[in-house]
Amino acid sequence: MNNDVELCKTDPNKVTVIAFDLMKTLSTPSLSVGVAYYKRQLSTYNLGIHNLTTNDAYMYVWNESMASRGPQEIGSCLLHFIKNYVHTEQLIMYSDQCGGQNRNIKMALICNFVVGSNDYLPTEIHHKFLVSGHSYLACDRDFGVIEK
């Protein structure tokens, strides 16, 4: 990952490097005591995308009444991010190996769609997965700020 980050720092007009991950489910409202704690709370999901080229963090937030947290939802967020914030022909994405969200055929089809579409700039996408149990991404730091 460090080599890719160095590459994007030396030529930010050529390659964009991002890391993305889904934060643990947030219970809304955040309660810790009393009878209300045992009532049904609303699950809120947060997908963090950290642009390692610009060091900017983007958060896509929705709740369980809007959608689930599968590959379609992750893909929709990535499509929005790529269309609005990726202005290079090469995109390198880092994520964990969660098969239900990141490492599956639907994500491969989304990347194929982006590369083949005239609506998106990237013509080359590399999706790299970190080793299970050793996946500490830049977006995890962003999540730590949110949890404080």
Protein backbone atom coordinates (compact mmCIF):
# COMPACT_ATOMS: atom_id res chain seq x y z
CA MET A 1 0.00 0.00 0.00
CA ASN A 2 2.87 2.38 0.77
CA ASN A 3 4.18 2.07 -2.80
CA ASP A 4 0.78 3.03 -4.20
CA VAL A 5 0.50 6.00 -1.85
CA GLU A 6 3.96 7.20 -2.94
CA LEU A 7 2.93 6.80 -6.58
CA CYS A 8 -0.19 8.94 -6.12
CA LYS A 9 1.80 11.59 -4.22
CA THR A 10 4.37 11.90 -7.02
CA ASP A 11 1.76 12.11 -9.79
CA PRO A 12 -1.72 12.91 -8.38
CA ASN A 13 -3.07 13.56 -11.90
CA LYS A 14 -2.37 9.97 -12.96
CA VAL A 15 -3.61 7.77 -10.11
CA THR A 16 -6.04 7.99 -7.20
CA VAL A 17 -5.66 5.67 -4.21
CA ILE A 18 -8.57 5.11 -1.82
CA ALA A 19 -9.32 2.89 1.17
CA PHE A 20 -12.88 2.05 2.16
CA ASP A 21 -14.56 0.13 4.95
CA LEU A 22 -17.90 -0.15 6.68
CA MET A 23 -17.91 1.09 10.26
CA LYS A 24 -19.44 -1.11 12.95
CA THR A 25 -23.20 -0.68 13.19
CA LEU A 26 -24.18 2.38 15.20
CA SER A 27 -27.29 2.18 17.37
CA THR A 28 -29.44 5.29 17.14
CA PRO A 29 -30.07 6.98 19.49
CA SER A 30 -26.93 6.31 21.51
CA LEU A 31 -28.17 5.28 24.97
CA SER A 32 -26.35 3.47 27.75
CA VAL A 33 -28.71 3.35 30.74
CA GLY A 34 -32.36 3.08 31.59
CA VAL A 35 -35.31 1.28 30.10
CA ALA A 36 -34.77 2.93 26.70
CA TYR A 37 -31.48 1.00 26.32
CA TYR A 38 -33.41 -2.27 26.08
CA LYS A 39 -35.88 -0.96 23.51
CA ARG A 40 -35.37 -1.55 19.81
CA GLN A 41 -32.87 0.95 18.43
CA LEU A 42 -32.38 1.94 14.81
CA SER A 43 -29.23 0.55 13.17
CA THR A 44 -27.21 3.16 11.32
CA TYR A 45 -24.51 2.25 8.78
CA ASN A 46 -21.49 4.33 7.81
CA LEU A 47 -19.23 3.61 4.85
CA GLY A 48 -15.96 5.51 5.10
CA ILE A 49 -13.93 6.22 1.98
CA HIS A 50 -10.52 7.78 2.59
CA ASN A 51 -8.78 9.35 -0.41
CA LEU A 52 -5.10 8.66 0.25
CA THR A 53 -4.10 11.01 -2.57
CA THR A 54 -5.67 14.10 -0.98
CA ASN A 55 -6.00 12.73 2.58
CA ASP A 56 -9.72 13.59 2.58
CA ALA A 57 -12.36 11.44 4.27
CA TYR A 58 -15.89 10.91 2.92
CA MET A 59 -18.70 9.27 4.88
CA TYR A 60 -21.83 7.71 3.40
CA VAL A 61 -24.45 7.24 6.12
CA TRP A 62 -27.83 5.49 5.96
CA ASN A 63 -30.08 3.54 8.32
CA GLU A 64 -31.66 0.10 8.17
CA SER A 65 -35.02 1.50 7.01
CA MET A 66 -33.38 2.80 3.81
CA ALA A 67 -31.21 -0.15 2.79
CA SER A 68 -29.12 -3.04 4.02
CA ARG A 69 -25.31 -3.14 4.10
CA GLY A 70 -24.51 -5.51 1.26
CA PRO A 71 -22.52 -5.18 -1.95
CA GLN A 72 -25.25 -3.18 -3.73
CA GLU A 73 -25.18 -0.47 -1.09
CA ILE A 74 -21.38 -0.39 -0.92
CA GLY A 75 -21.27 -0.31 -4.72
CA SER A 76 -23.74 2.57 -4.91
CA CYS A 77 -21.59 4.62 -2.54
CA LEU A 78 -18.45 3.80 -4.53
CA LEU A 79 -20.14 4.75 -7.81
CA HIS A 80 -21.14 8.11 -6.36
CA PHE A 81 -17.62 8.68 -5.03
CA ILE A 82 -15.92 7.71 -8.29
CA LYS A 83 -18.21 9.88 -10.40
CA ASN A 84 -17.79 12.96 -8.20
CA TYR A 85 -14.28 12.74 -6.74
CA VAL A 86 -12.03 10.59 -8.95
CA HIS A 87 -10.47 12.63 -11.75
CA THR A 88 -7.72 10.24 -12.84
CA GLU A 89 -7.61 7.36 -15.30
CA GLN A 90 -6.23 4.89 -12.76
CA LEU A 91 -7.94 4.02 -9.46
CA ILE A 92 -6.47 1.78 -6.77
CA MET A 93 -8.89 0.67 -4.04
CA TYR A 94 -7.96 -0.97 -0.73
CA SER A 95 -10.46 -2.80 1.47
CA ASP A 96 -10.75 -5.75 3.82
CA GLN A 97 -11.70 -9.20 2.57
CA CYS A 98 -15.32 -9.20 3.72
CA GLY A 99 -17.00 -11.44 1.16
CA GLY A 100 -20.48 -10.10 1.85
CA GLN A 101 -19.52 -6.53 1.06
CA ASN A 102 -16.24 -6.18 -0.82
CA ARG A 103 -14.91 -9.41 -2.27
CA ASN A 104 -17.67 -10.71 -4.52
CA ILE A 105 -18.96 -10.79 -8.09
CA LYS A 106 -21.13 -7.70 -7.63
CA MET A 107 -18.13 -5.52 -6.80
CA ALA A 108 -16.28 -6.94 -9.81
CA LEU A 109 -19.26 -6.09 -12.02
CA ILE A 110 -19.38 -2.54 -10.63
CA CYS A 111 -15.68 -2.05 -11.43
CA ASN A 112 -16.27 -3.49 -14.91
CA PHE A 113 -19.18 -1.07 -15.40
CA VAL A 114 -17.05 1.94 -14.40
CA VAL A 115 -14.20 1.01 -16.75
CA GLY A 116 -16.57 0.38 -19.67
CA SER A 117 -18.75 3.45 -19.16
CA ASN A 118 -18.25 6.89 -20.69
CA ASP A 119 -19.81 8.47 -17.58
CA TYR A 120 -16.77 7.67 -15.41
CA LEU A 121 -13.15 8.70 -15.92
CA PRO A 122 -11.16 5.68 -14.65
CA THR A 123 -10.11 3.27 -17.40
CA GLU A 124 -8.16 1.05 -15.01
CA ILE A 125 -9.18 -0.14 -11.53
CA HIS A 126 -7.15 -2.25 -9.12
CA HIS A 127 -9.01 -3.57 -6.07
CA LYS A 128 -6.52 -4.82 -3.49
CA PHE A 129 -7.43 -6.70 -0.32
CA LEU A 130 -5.55 -6.58 2.96
CA VAL A 131 -4.67 -9.74 4.87
CA SER A 132 -7.45 -10.87 7.22
CA GLY A 133 -6.85 -9.74 10.78
CA HIS A 134 -4.26 -7.17 9.70
CA SER A 135 -6.54 -4.70 7.99
CA TYR A 136 -6.01 -1.28 9.50
CA LEU A 137 -7.01 1.27 6.90
CA ALA A 138 -6.93 5.06 6.96
CA CYS A 139 -10.72 5.10 7.28
CA ASP A 140 -10.38 3.23 10.60
CA ARG A 141 -8.69 6.36 11.99
CA ASP A 142 -11.64 8.40 10.73
CA PHE A 143 -14.01 6.01 12.52
CA GLY A 144 -12.03 6.50 15.74
CA VAL A 145 -12.68 10.25 15.55
CA ILE A 146 -16.41 9.60 15.12
CA GLU A 147 -16.54 7.22 18.10
CA LYS A 148 -14.98 9.78 20.48
